[in-house]
Amino acid sequence: MRRISHSMYESLFSVAQLVLVTNALLLVMCAPLIVLLATTDPSLSWPLLAAAAALTGPGIAGAFAAFRAHREGERGVIRPFFRGVARSWARALAVSAIVSAIVVVAVVDLFVLVPTGPGALAGPVLVVIAVIALATGMVAIAALVEAPSARLLDVLRASAATAVRRWPFSLASLAVAAAQIGVFVMAPALAVGITAAACLYVVWAGARYSLQPVLRPAAA
């Protein structure tokens, strides 16, 4: 029987630390949204949920920064997390607020227009708008972490184009996010304590890979 090497134990401990600490920090940064989801009926509290979702951008940026630092060999989690928040909190907040507003308008219009005859034709268009907004937001926050000096307008423009052009990665990220929602509904403690960081890591990895053609010229 082969013995597990010390380096393997170290790698496993590092990954476990990344997941658990990132989840704890996300719980703090996204507390309003998590509390509302756990204690209210979304069908009644959706305006508050939309406002709370608009505040999640900085926490997601911090998680992406922690993932990036871990991939580059940094062992700590707290310092790179808050360093990422400090560098991009304002623009990440703007991104999450814009995405939240677009999704809310699209969903409200969907429920208002679809029951009407001609309005039913607008249903697929509104769904596509909401999906593109969500995909663009995920890519944009990843871009802010990878290129902290980039202008927000440039980031949004490049992220929208990337999200549409690399649509398989966008759909995969949205599928993972939907799975995370399902886990939260079934087992909130598991979703908040373990799977949140794993979900965001998949989203970050896909967005970062999709952004490589855009980031390479900027780096050069």
Protein backbone atom coordinates (compact mmCIF):
# COMPACT_ATOMS: atom_id res chain seq x y z
CA MET A 1 0.00 0.00 0.00
CA ARG A 2 1.46 3.32 -1.06
CA ARG A 3 1.83 6.00 1.58
CA ILE A 4 0.46 9.45 0.87
CA SER A 5 3.34 11.88 0.56
CA HIS A 6 3.77 14.93 2.74
CA SER A 7 3.30 17.20 -0.29
CA MET A 8 -0.05 15.54 -1.00
CA TYR A 9 -1.21 16.19 2.57
CA GLU A 10 -0.05 19.77 2.24
CA SER A 11 -1.95 20.23 -1.02
CA LEU A 12 -5.13 18.75 0.44
CA PHE A 13 -4.87 20.97 3.51
CA SER A 14 -4.29 24.02 1.30
CA VAL A 15 -7.39 23.28 -0.79
CA ALA A 16 -9.50 22.63 2.32
CA GLN A 17 -8.29 25.90 3.83
CA LEU A 18 -9.12 27.77 0.61
CA VAL A 19 -12.65 26.35 0.51
CA LEU A 20 -13.53 26.79 4.19
CA VAL A 21 -12.00 30.24 4.68
CA THR A 22 -13.41 31.56 1.40
CA ASN A 23 -16.87 30.31 2.39
CA ALA A 24 -16.59 32.03 5.76
CA LEU A 25 -15.55 35.30 4.15
CA LEU A 26 -18.33 35.05 1.57
CA LEU A 27 -20.80 34.48 4.39
CA VAL A 28 -19.70 37.76 5.94
CA MET A 29 -19.57 39.74 2.70
CA CYS A 30 -22.88 38.42 1.35
CA ALA A 31 -24.71 38.15 4.68
CA PRO A 32 -27.77 40.26 3.67
CA LEU A 33 -28.54 38.04 0.68
CA ILE A 34 -27.96 34.79 2.56
CA VAL A 35 -30.10 35.88 5.53
CA LEU A 36 -32.96 36.93 3.25
CA LEU A 37 -32.81 33.70 1.27
CA ALA A 38 -32.85 31.65 4.46
CA THR A 39 -35.58 33.55 6.31
CA THR A 40 -38.02 34.94 3.73
CA ASP A 41 -40.24 33.80 0.89
CA PRO A 42 -38.48 34.88 -2.34
CA SER A 43 -41.81 35.40 -4.11
CA LEU A 44 -42.66 38.09 -1.55
CA SER A 45 -39.24 39.52 -0.70
CA TRP A 46 -37.81 39.69 -4.23
CA PRO A 47 -37.24 43.49 -4.14
CA LEU A 48 -35.08 43.07 -1.03
CA LEU A 49 -33.35 40.07 -2.59
CA ALA A 50 -32.55 42.10 -5.69
CA ALA A 51 -31.08 44.88 -3.57
CA ALA A 52 -29.03 42.38 -1.56
CA ALA A 53 -27.82 40.65 -4.73
CA ALA A 54 -26.61 44.03 -5.99
CA LEU A 55 -24.21 44.14 -3.02
CA THR A 56 -22.51 40.81 -3.68
CA GLY A 57 -19.97 42.00 -6.26
CA PRO A 58 -17.14 42.88 -3.84
CA GLY A 59 -17.39 39.52 -2.06
CA ILE A 60 -17.25 37.63 -5.36
CA ALA A 61 -14.26 39.72 -6.44
CA GLY A 62 -12.53 38.85 -3.18
CA ALA A 63 -13.16 35.15 -3.74
CA PHE A 64 -11.81 35.36 -7.29
CA ALA A 65 -8.71 37.16 -6.02
CA ALA A 66 -8.17 34.43 -3.42
CA PHE A 67 -8.48 31.75 -6.12
CA ARG A 68 -5.98 33.59 -8.31
CA ALA A 69 -3.50 33.96 -5.44
CA HIS A 70 -3.87 30.28 -4.53
CA ARG A 71 -3.17 29.26 -8.11
CA GLU A 72 -0.03 31.39 -8.07
CA GLY A 73 1.21 29.59 -4.96
CA GLU A 74 0.12 31.85 -2.10
CA ARG A 75 -0.94 29.84 0.94
CA GLY A 76 -2.97 32.48 2.74
CA VAL A 77 -6.59 33.22 1.92
CA ILE A 78 -7.69 36.16 4.06
CA ARG A 79 -5.07 38.61 2.83
CA PRO A 80 -5.56 38.05 -0.92
CA PHE A 81 -9.33 38.02 -0.42
CA PHE A 82 -9.45 41.46 1.16
CA ARG A 83 -6.72 42.73 -1.14
CA GLY A 84 -8.99 41.83 -4.06
CA VAL A 85 -11.94 43.52 -2.36
CA ALA A 86 -9.92 46.69 -1.73
CA ARG A 87 -8.72 46.90 -5.33
CA SER A 88 -12.02 46.42 -7.08
CA TRP A 89 -14.89 46.83 -4.62
CA ALA A 90 -16.39 49.95 -6.25
CA ARG A 91 -16.36 48.59 -9.79
CA ALA A 92 -17.41 45.10 -8.67
CA LEU A 93 -20.30 46.69 -6.80
CA ALA A 94 -21.26 48.59 -9.94
CA VAL A 95 -21.19 45.37 -11.96
CA SER A 96 -23.39 43.44 -9.52
CA ALA A 97 -25.81 46.37 -9.27
CA ILE A 98 -26.12 46.65 -13.06
CA VAL A 99 -26.64 42.92 -13.46
CA SER A 100 -29.20 42.80 -10.67
CA ALA A 101 -31.14 45.70 -12.20
CA ILE A 102 -31.17 44.15 -15.69
CA VAL A 103 -32.27 40.74 -14.41
CA VAL A 104 -35.04 42.24 -12.25
CA VAL A 105 -36.40 44.33 -15.12
CA ALA A 106 -36.27 41.35 -17.48
CA VAL A 107 -38.00 39.00 -15.03
CA VAL A 108 -40.70 41.53 -14.10
CA ASP A 109 -41.38 42.26 -17.76
CA LEU A 110 -41.49 38.52 -18.41
CA PHE A 111 -44.24 37.98 -15.84
CA VAL A 112 -46.16 41.06 -17.00
CA LEU A 113 -45.93 40.60 -20.77
CA VAL A 114 -46.00 36.85 -21.31
CA PRO A 115 -49.66 36.38 -20.20
CA THR A 116 -50.69 38.84 -22.91
CA GLY A 117 -50.98 37.69 -26.52
CA PRO A 118 -48.34 39.75 -28.33
CA GLY A 119 -46.23 39.96 -25.21
CA ALA A 120 -45.57 36.24 -25.31
CA LEU A 121 -43.22 36.85 -28.23
CA ALA A 122 -41.00 38.94 -25.95
CA GLY A 123 -40.53 36.06 -23.48
CA PRO A 124 -37.54 34.38 -25.15
CA VAL A 125 -35.88 37.75 -25.74
CA LEU A 126 -36.18 38.68 -22.08
CA VAL A 127 -34.77 35.32 -20.99
CA VAL A 128 -31.79 35.77 -23.30
CA ILE A 129 -31.20 39.28 -21.96
CA ALA A 130 -31.20 38.02 -18.36
CA VAL A 131 -28.87 35.12 -19.20
CA ILE A 132 -26.41 37.37 -21.06
CA ALA A 133 -26.46 39.86 -18.17
CA LEU A 134 -25.65 37.15 -15.63
CA ALA A 135 -22.89 35.66 -17.80
CA THR A 136 -21.42 39.09 -18.48
CA GLY A 137 -21.41 39.92 -14.78
CA MET A 138 -19.45 36.78 -13.88
CA VAL A 139 -16.88 37.40 -16.60
CA ALA A 140 -16.64 41.10 -15.74
CA ILE A 141 -15.81 40.51 -12.07
CA ALA A 142 -13.18 37.97 -13.08
CA ALA A 143 -11.77 40.56 -15.51
CA LEU A 144 -11.61 43.18 -12.76
CA VAL A 145 -9.47 40.82 -10.69
CA GLU A 146 -7.21 39.93 -13.61
CA ALA A 147 -6.86 43.52 -14.86
CA PRO A 148 -7.49 45.84 -11.90
CA SER A 149 -6.40 48.96 -13.79
CA ALA A 150 -8.85 48.49 -16.68
CA ARG A 151 -11.71 50.94 -17.11
CA LEU A 152 -15.13 49.66 -16.11
CA LEU A 153 -16.70 50.48 -19.48
CA ASP A 154 -13.95 48.59 -21.30
CA VAL A 155 -14.36 45.65 -18.93
CA LEU A 156 -18.13 45.49 -19.47
CA ARG A 157 -17.78 45.74 -23.24
CA ALA A 158 -15.11 43.03 -23.42
CA SER A 159 -16.93 40.81 -20.92
CA ALA A 160 -20.22 40.95 -22.84
CA ALA A 161 -18.45 40.02 -26.07
CA THR A 162 -16.52 37.24 -24.32
CA ALA A 163 -19.61 35.83 -22.59
CA VAL A 164 -21.45 35.59 -25.92
CA ARG A 165 -18.48 34.38 -27.97
CA ARG A 166 -17.49 31.73 -25.41
CA TRP A 167 -21.08 30.74 -24.72
CA PRO A 168 -20.34 27.10 -23.74
CA PHE A 169 -18.30 28.35 -20.77
CA SER A 170 -21.02 30.86 -19.90
CA LEU A 171 -23.71 28.19 -19.94
CA ALA A 172 -21.53 25.88 -17.85
CA SER A 173 -21.01 28.61 -15.27
CA LEU A 174 -24.73 29.35 -15.16
CA ALA A 175 -25.47 25.63 -14.77
CA VAL A 176 -23.08 25.43 -11.82
CA ALA A 177 -24.71 28.51 -10.28
CA ALA A 178 -28.15 26.92 -10.74
CA ALA A 179 -26.89 23.75 -9.07
CA GLN A 180 -25.64 25.84 -6.16
CA ILE A 181 -29.10 27.34 -5.77
CA GLY A 182 -30.55 23.84 -5.70
CA VAL A 183 -28.06 22.79 -3.03
CA PHE A 184 -28.97 25.87 -0.98
CA VAL A 185 -32.67 25.00 -1.16
CA MET A 186 -32.05 21.41 -0.10
CA ALA A 187 -29.23 21.93 2.42
CA PRO A 188 -28.42 25.58 3.22
CA ALA A 189 -25.61 24.72 5.64
CA LEU A 190 -23.85 22.59 3.01
CA ALA A 191 -24.26 25.29 0.37
CA VAL A 192 -22.91 28.07 2.59
CA GLY A 193 -20.23 26.02 4.30
CA ILE A 194 -18.71 24.02 1.45
CA THR A 195 -20.14 24.27 -2.06
CA ALA A 196 -20.26 28.07 -2.45
CA ALA A 197 -16.49 28.38 -2.89
CA ALA A 198 -16.37 25.33 -5.17
CA CYS A 199 -19.13 26.81 -7.33
CA LEU A 200 -17.38 30.17 -7.59
CA TYR A 201 -14.06 28.48 -8.36
CA VAL A 202 -15.61 26.76 -11.39
CA VAL A 203 -17.15 30.07 -12.49
CA TRP A 204 -13.84 31.90 -12.03
CA ALA A 205 -11.83 29.24 -13.87
CA GLY A 206 -14.21 29.30 -16.84
CA ALA A 207 -14.32 33.10 -16.97
CA ARG A 208 -10.54 33.38 -16.65
CA TYR A 209 -9.99 30.90 -19.46
CA SER A 210 -12.52 32.70 -21.66
CA LEU A 211 -10.75 36.01 -21.04
CA GLN A 212 -7.30 34.81 -22.09
CA PRO A 213 -7.53 36.13 -25.68
CA VAL A 214 -8.49 39.53 -24.28
CA LEU A 215 -5.93 39.58 -21.46
CA ARG A 216 -2.94 38.52 -23.55
CA PRO A 217 -2.85 41.68 -25.70
CA ALA A 218 -3.36 43.79 -22.57
CA ALA A 219 -0.46 42.04 -20.85
CA ALA A 220 1.74 42.48 -23.90
